[in-house]
PDB file of N, CA and C in Angstrom:
ATOM      1  N   UNK A   1       6.226 -59.534  40.026  1.00  0.00           N
ATOM      2  CA  UNK A   1       5.442 -58.369  39.669  1.00  0.00           C
ATOM      3  C   UNK A   1       5.727 -58.025  38.205  1.00  0.00           C
ATOM      4  N   UNK A   2       4.678 -57.826  37.437  1.00  0.00           N
ATOM      5  CA  UNK A   2       4.824 -57.471  36.030  1.00  0.00           C
ATOM      6  C   UNK A   2       5.168 -55.999  35.899  1.00  0.00           C
ATOM      7  N   UNK A   3       5.946 -55.690  34.868  1.00  0.00           N
ATOM      8  CA  UNK A   3       6.374 -54.322  34.636  1.00  0.00           C
ATOM      9  C   UNK A   3       5.671 -53.758  33.408  1.00  0.00           C
ATOM     10  N   UNK A   4       5.322 -52.479  33.478  1.00  0.00           N
ATOM     11  CA  UNK A   4       4.688 -51.778  32.367  1.00  0.00           C
ATOM     12  C   UNK A   4       5.399 -50.449  32.182  1.00  0.00           C
ATOM     13  N   UNK A   5       5.680 -50.104  30.929  1.00  0.00           N
ATOM     14  CA  UNK A   5       6.273 -48.811  30.613  1.00  0.00           C
ATOM     15  C   UNK A   5       5.260 -47.947  29.883  1.00  0.00           C
ATOM     16  N   UNK A   6       5.076 -46.736  30.348  1.00  0.00           N
ATOM     17  CA  UNK A   6       4.197 -45.775  29.677  1.00  0.00           C
ATOM     18  C   UNK A   6       5.098 -44.869  28.843  1.00  0.00           C
ATOM     19  N   UNK A   7       4.958 -44.938  27.527  1.00  0.00           N
ATOM     20  CA  UNK A   7       5.769 -44.114  26.646  1.00  0.00           C
ATOM     21  C   UNK A   7       4.953 -42.885  26.283  1.00  0.00           C
ATOM     22  N   UNK A   8       5.471 -41.718  26.631  1.00  0.00           N
ATOM     23  CA  UNK A   8       4.737 -40.482  26.397  1.00  0.00           C
ATOM     24  C   UNK A   8       5.709 -39.337  26.152  1.00  0.00           C
ATOM     25  N   UNK A   9       5.186 -38.237  25.714  1.00  0.00           N
ATOM     26  CA  UNK A   9       5.974 -37.027  25.531  1.00  0.00           C
ATOM     27  C   UNK A   9       5.455 -35.993  26.522  1.00  0.00           C
ATOM     28  N   UNK A  10       6.233 -35.736  27.559  1.00  0.00           N
ATOM     29  CA  UNK A  10       5.811 -34.809  28.594  1.00  0.00           C
ATOM     30  C   UNK A  10       6.484 -33.469  28.338  1.00  0.00           C
ATOM     31  N   UNK A  11       5.674 -32.455  28.063  1.00  0.00           N
ATOM     32  CA  UNK A  11       6.223 -31.127  27.830  1.00  0.00           C
ATOM     33  C   UNK A  11       6.004 -30.268  29.074  1.00  0.00           C
ATOM     34  N   UNK A  12       6.720 -29.158  29.149  1.00  0.00           N
ATOM     35  CA  UNK A  12       6.673 -28.320  30.345  1.00  0.00           C
ATOM     36  C   UNK A  12       5.316 -27.668  30.558  1.00  0.00           C
ATOM     37  N   UNK A  13       4.656 -27.223  29.504  1.00  0.00           N
ATOM     38  CA  UNK A  13       3.424 -26.466  29.659  1.00  0.00           C
ATOM     39  C   UNK A  13       2.151 -27.274  29.520  1.00  0.00           C
ATOM     40  N   UNK A  14       2.258 -28.561  29.211  1.00  0.00           N
ATOM     41  CA  UNK A  14       1.077 -29.372  28.963  1.00  0.00           C
ATOM     42  C   UNK A  14       0.678 -30.126  30.229  1.00  0.00           C
ATOM     43  N   UNK A  15      -0.166 -29.512  31.049  1.00  0.00           N
ATOM     44  CA  UNK A  15      -0.555 -30.144  32.314  1.00  0.00           C
ATOM     45  C   UNK A  15      -1.576 -31.256  32.111  1.00  0.00           C
ATOM     46  N   UNK A  16      -2.358 -31.192  31.049  1.00  0.00           N
ATOM     47  CA  UNK A  16      -3.317 -32.263  30.769  1.00  0.00           C
ATOM     48  C   UNK A  16      -2.609 -33.579  30.518  1.00  0.00           C
ATOM     49  N   UNK A  17      -1.510 -33.527  29.772  1.00  0.00           N
ATOM     50  CA  UNK A  17      -0.727 -34.717  29.497  1.00  0.00           C
ATOM     51  C   UNK A  17      -0.148 -35.291  30.787  1.00  0.00           C
ATOM     52  N   UNK A  18       0.327 -34.402  31.664  1.00  0.00           N
ATOM     53  CA  UNK A  18       0.899 -34.855  32.938  1.00  0.00           C
ATOM     54  C   UNK A  18      -0.169 -35.503  33.821  1.00  0.00           C
ATOM     55  N   UNK A  19      -1.350 -34.905  33.869  1.00  0.00           N
ATOM     56  CA  UNK A  19      -2.449 -35.463  34.674  1.00  0.00           C
ATOM     57  C   UNK A  19      -2.897 -36.821  34.142  1.00  0.00           C
ATOM     58  N   UNK A  20      -2.991 -36.932  32.828  1.00  0.00           N
ATOM     59  CA  UNK A  20      -3.393 -38.198  32.228  1.00  0.00           C
ATOM     60  C   UNK A  20      -2.355 -39.279  32.529  1.00  0.00           C
ATOM     61  N   UNK A  21      -1.081 -38.924  32.414  1.00  0.00           N
ATOM     62  CA  UNK A  21      -0.014 -39.875  32.705  1.00  0.00           C
ATOM     63  C   UNK A  21      -0.060 -40.305  34.166  1.00  0.00           C
ATOM     64  N   UNK A  22      -0.274 -39.350  35.070  1.00  0.00           N
ATOM     65  CA  UNK A  22      -0.335 -39.665  36.497  1.00  0.00           C
ATOM     66  C   UNK A  22      -1.524 -40.586  36.806  1.00  0.00           C
ATOM     67  N   UNK A  23      -2.664 -40.300  36.207  1.00  0.00           N
ATOM     68  CA  UNK A  23      -3.858 -41.117  36.456  1.00  0.00           C
ATOM     69  C   UNK A  23      -3.645 -42.556  35.978  1.00  0.00           C
ATOM     70  N   UNK A  24      -3.064 -42.712  34.798  1.00  0.00           N
ATOM     71  CA  UNK A  24      -2.798 -44.053  34.279  1.00  0.00           C
ATOM     72  C   UNK A  24      -1.771 -44.765  35.144  1.00  0.00           C
ATOM     73  N   UNK A  25      -0.711 -44.056  35.530  1.00  0.00           N
ATOM     74  CA  UNK A  25       0.328 -44.628  36.376  1.00  0.00           C
ATOM     75  C   UNK A  25      -0.250 -45.101  37.712  1.00  0.00           C
ATOM     76  N   UNK A  26      -1.060 -44.262  38.352  1.00  0.00           N
ATOM     77  CA  UNK A  26      -1.651 -44.610  39.647  1.00  0.00           C
ATOM     78  C   UNK A  26      -2.596 -45.802  39.526  1.00  0.00           C
ATOM     79  N   UNK A  27      -3.408 -45.812  38.473  1.00  0.00           N
ATOM     80  CA  UNK A  27      -4.349 -46.912  38.268  1.00  0.00           C
ATOM     81  C   UNK A  27      -3.617 -48.235  38.071  1.00  0.00           C
ATOM     82  N   UNK A  28      -2.567 -48.219  37.249  1.00  0.00           N
ATOM     83  CA  UNK A  28      -1.815 -49.448  37.009  1.00  0.00           C
ATOM     84  C   UNK A  28      -1.092 -49.909  38.271  1.00  0.00           C
ATOM     85  N   UNK A  29      -0.572 -48.969  39.054  1.00  0.00           N
ATOM     86  CA  UNK A  29       0.074 -49.349  40.319  1.00  0.00           C
ATOM     87  C   UNK A  29      -0.943 -49.956  41.278  1.00  0.00           C
ATOM     88  N   UNK A  30      -2.160 -49.394  41.312  1.00  0.00           N
ATOM     89  CA  UNK A  30      -3.214 -49.935  42.176  1.00  0.00           C
ATOM     90  C   UNK A  30      -3.610 -51.350  41.759  1.00  0.00           C
ATOM     91  N   UNK A  31      -3.428 -51.676  40.482  1.00  0.00           N
ATOM     92  CA  UNK A  31      -3.723 -53.018  39.983  1.00  0.00           C
ATOM     93  C   UNK A  31      -2.571 -53.991  40.230  1.00  0.00           C
ATOM     94  N   UNK A  32      -1.457 -53.479  40.791  1.00  0.00           N
ATOM     95  CA  UNK A  32      -0.358 -54.347  41.177  1.00  0.00           C
ATOM     96  C   UNK A  32       0.806 -54.407  40.209  1.00  0.00           C
ATOM     97  N   UNK A  33       0.870 -53.517  39.243  1.00  0.00           N
ATOM     98  CA  UNK A  33       1.963 -53.510  38.289  1.00  0.00           C
ATOM     99  C   UNK A  33       3.061 -52.555  38.743  1.00  0.00           C
ATOM    100  N   UNK A  34       4.275 -52.847  38.304  1.00  0.00           N
ATOM    101  CA  UNK A  34       5.390 -51.929  38.497  1.00  0.00           C
ATOM    102  C   UNK A  34       5.441 -51.058  37.244  1.00  0.00           C
ATOM    103  N   UNK A  35       5.265 -49.757  37.408  1.00  0.00           N
ATOM    104  CA  UNK A  35       5.074 -48.864  36.265  1.00  0.00           C
ATOM    105  C   UNK A  35       6.196 -47.826  36.205  1.00  0.00           C
ATOM    106  N   UNK A  36       6.640 -47.557  34.971  1.00  0.00           N
ATOM    107  CA  UNK A  36       7.653 -46.527  34.751  1.00  0.00           C
ATOM    108  C   UNK A  36       7.245 -45.693  33.545  1.00  0.00           C
ATOM    109  N   UNK A  37       7.414 -44.391  33.648  1.00  0.00           N
ATOM    110  CA  UNK A  37       7.115 -43.493  32.533  1.00  0.00           C
ATOM    111  C   UNK A  37       8.387 -43.223  31.753  1.00  0.00           C
ATOM    112  N   UNK A  38       8.313 -43.418  30.442  1.00  0.00           N
ATOM    113  CA  UNK A  38       9.436 -43.150  29.558  1.00  0.00           C
ATOM    114  C   UNK A  38       9.089 -41.896  28.775  1.00  0.00           C
ATOM    115  N   UNK A  39       9.868 -40.839  28.965  1.00  0.00           N
ATOM    116  CA  UNK A  39       9.608 -39.570  28.300  1.00  0.00           C
ATOM    117  C   UNK A  39      10.260 -39.570  26.924  1.00  0.00           C
ATOM    118  N   UNK A  40       9.447 -39.431  25.887  1.00  0.00           N
ATOM    119  CA  UNK A  40       9.965 -39.373  24.521  1.00  0.00           C
ATOM    120  C   UNK A  40      10.064 -37.918  24.109  1.00  0.00           C
ATOM    121  N   UNK A  41      11.218 -37.526  23.673  1.00  0.00           N
ATOM    122  CA  UNK A  41      11.429 -36.156  23.228  1.00  0.00           C
ATOM    123  C   UNK A  41      11.027 -36.025  21.768  1.00  0.00           C
ATOM    124  N   UNK A  42      10.873 -34.789  21.305  1.00  0.00           N
ATOM    125  CA  UNK A  42      10.480 -34.555  19.925  1.00  0.00           C
ATOM    126  C   UNK A  42      11.501 -35.127  18.951  1.00  0.00           C
ATOM    127  N   UNK A  43      12.787 -35.084  19.290  1.00  0.00           N
ATOM    128  CA  UNK A  43      13.800 -35.638  18.402  1.00  0.00           C
ATOM    129  C   UNK A  43      13.584 -37.132  18.215  1.00  0.00           C
ATOM    130  N   UNK A  44      13.155 -37.801  19.292  1.00  0.00           N
ATOM    131  CA  UNK A  44      12.901 -39.229  19.214  1.00  0.00           C
ATOM    132  C   UNK A  44      11.749 -39.520  18.260  1.00  0.00           C
ATOM    133  N   UNK A  45      10.757 -38.638  18.216  1.00  0.00           N
ATOM    134  CA  UNK A  45       9.637 -38.834  17.307  1.00  0.00           C
ATOM    135  C   UNK A  45      10.100 -38.771  15.861  1.00  0.00           C
ATOM    136  N   UNK A  46      10.998 -37.841  15.564  1.00  0.00           N
ATOM    137  CA  UNK A  46      11.530 -37.725  14.207  1.00  0.00           C
ATOM    138  C   UNK A  46      12.300 -38.987  13.849  1.00  0.00           C
ATOM    139  N   UNK A  47      13.129 -39.463  14.751  1.00  0.00           N
ATOM    140  CA  UNK A  47      13.884 -40.696  14.514  1.00  0.00           C
ATOM    141  C   UNK A  47      12.938 -41.867  14.301  1.00  0.00           C
ATOM    142  N   UNK A  48      11.866 -41.928  15.079  1.00  0.00           N
ATOM    143  CA  UNK A  48      10.898 -43.011  14.954  1.00  0.00           C
ATOM    144  C   UNK A  48      10.205 -42.970  13.599  1.00  0.00           C
ATOM    145  N   UNK A  49       9.855 -41.785  13.139  1.00  0.00           N
ATOM    146  CA  UNK A  49       9.204 -41.644  11.835  1.00  0.00           C
ATOM    147  C   UNK A  49      10.139 -42.126  10.732  1.00  0.00           C
ATOM    148  N   UNK A  50      11.417 -41.706  10.773  1.00  0.00           N
ATOM    149  CA  UNK A  50      12.373 -42.142   9.766  1.00  0.00           C
ATOM    150  C   UNK A  50      12.587 -43.654   9.822  1.00  0.00           C
ATOM    151  N   UNK A  51      12.617 -44.223  11.019  1.00  0.00           N
ATOM    152  CA  UNK A  51      12.770 -45.662  11.168  1.00  0.00           C
ATOM    153  C   UNK A  51      11.594 -46.399  10.534  1.00  0.00           C
ATOM    154  N   UNK A  52      10.380 -45.911  10.799  1.00  0.00           N
ATOM    155  CA  UNK A  52       9.187 -46.543  10.229  1.00  0.00           C
ATOM    156  C   UNK A  52       9.180 -46.424   8.708  1.00  0.00           C
ATOM    157  N   UNK A  53       9.579 -45.245   8.186  1.00  0.00           N
ATOM    158  CA  UNK A  53       9.650 -45.072   6.742  1.00  0.00           C
ATOM    159  C   UNK A  53      10.681 -46.005   6.112  1.00  0.00           C
ATOM    160  N   UNK A  54      11.843 -46.112   6.757  1.00  0.00           N
ATOM    161  CA  UNK A  54      12.891 -46.991   6.254  1.00  0.00           C
ATOM    162  C   UNK A  54      12.420 -48.444   6.236  1.00  0.00           C
ATOM    163  N   UNK A  55      11.735 -48.845   7.305  1.00  0.00           N
ATOM    164  CA  UNK A  55      11.209 -50.199   7.381  1.00  0.00           C
ATOM    165  C   UNK A  55      10.157 -50.440   6.311  1.00  0.00           C
ATOM    166  N   UNK A  56       9.293 -49.460   6.107  1.00  0.00           N
ATOM    167  CA  UNK A  56       8.243 -49.580   5.098  1.00  0.00           C
ATOM    168  C   UNK A  56       8.853 -49.718   3.705  1.00  0.00           C
ATOM    169  N   UNK A  57       9.873 -48.919   3.407  1.00  0.00           N
ATOM    170  CA  UNK A  57      10.515 -48.965   2.092  1.00  0.00           C
ATOM    171  C   UNK A  57      11.208 -50.316   1.888  1.00  0.00           C
ATOM    172  N   UNK A  58      11.820 -50.846   2.907  1.00  0.00           N
ATOM    173  CA  UNK A  58      12.515 -52.143   2.786  1.00  0.00           C
ATOM    174  C   UNK A  58      11.549 -53.294   2.526  1.00  0.00           C
ATOM    175  N   UNK A  59      10.332 -53.196   3.051  1.00  0.00           N
ATOM    176  CA  UNK A  59       9.384 -54.302   2.878  1.00  0.00           C
ATOM    177  C   UNK A  59       8.751 -54.314   1.493  1.00  0.00           C
ATOM    178  N   UNK A  60       8.833 -53.218   0.759  1.00  0.00           N
ATOM    179  CA  UNK A  60       8.231 -53.186  -0.592  1.00  0.00           C
ATOM    180  C   UNK A  60       9.237 -53.265  -1.656  1.00  0.00           C
TER     181      UNK A  60
END
């Protein structure tokens, strides 16, 4: 069985995001995939931005 990770930021008050994540998760499971949701916190987004900037600077 193939595995798929859904990377998202799930906040407490954002029910639209939760519904969208659930719909995608259910659809992928119905297609036969093993699915896991990875919750990215806001701090992780900042780290990701700095990582991308650092990588961009190194390539030039």
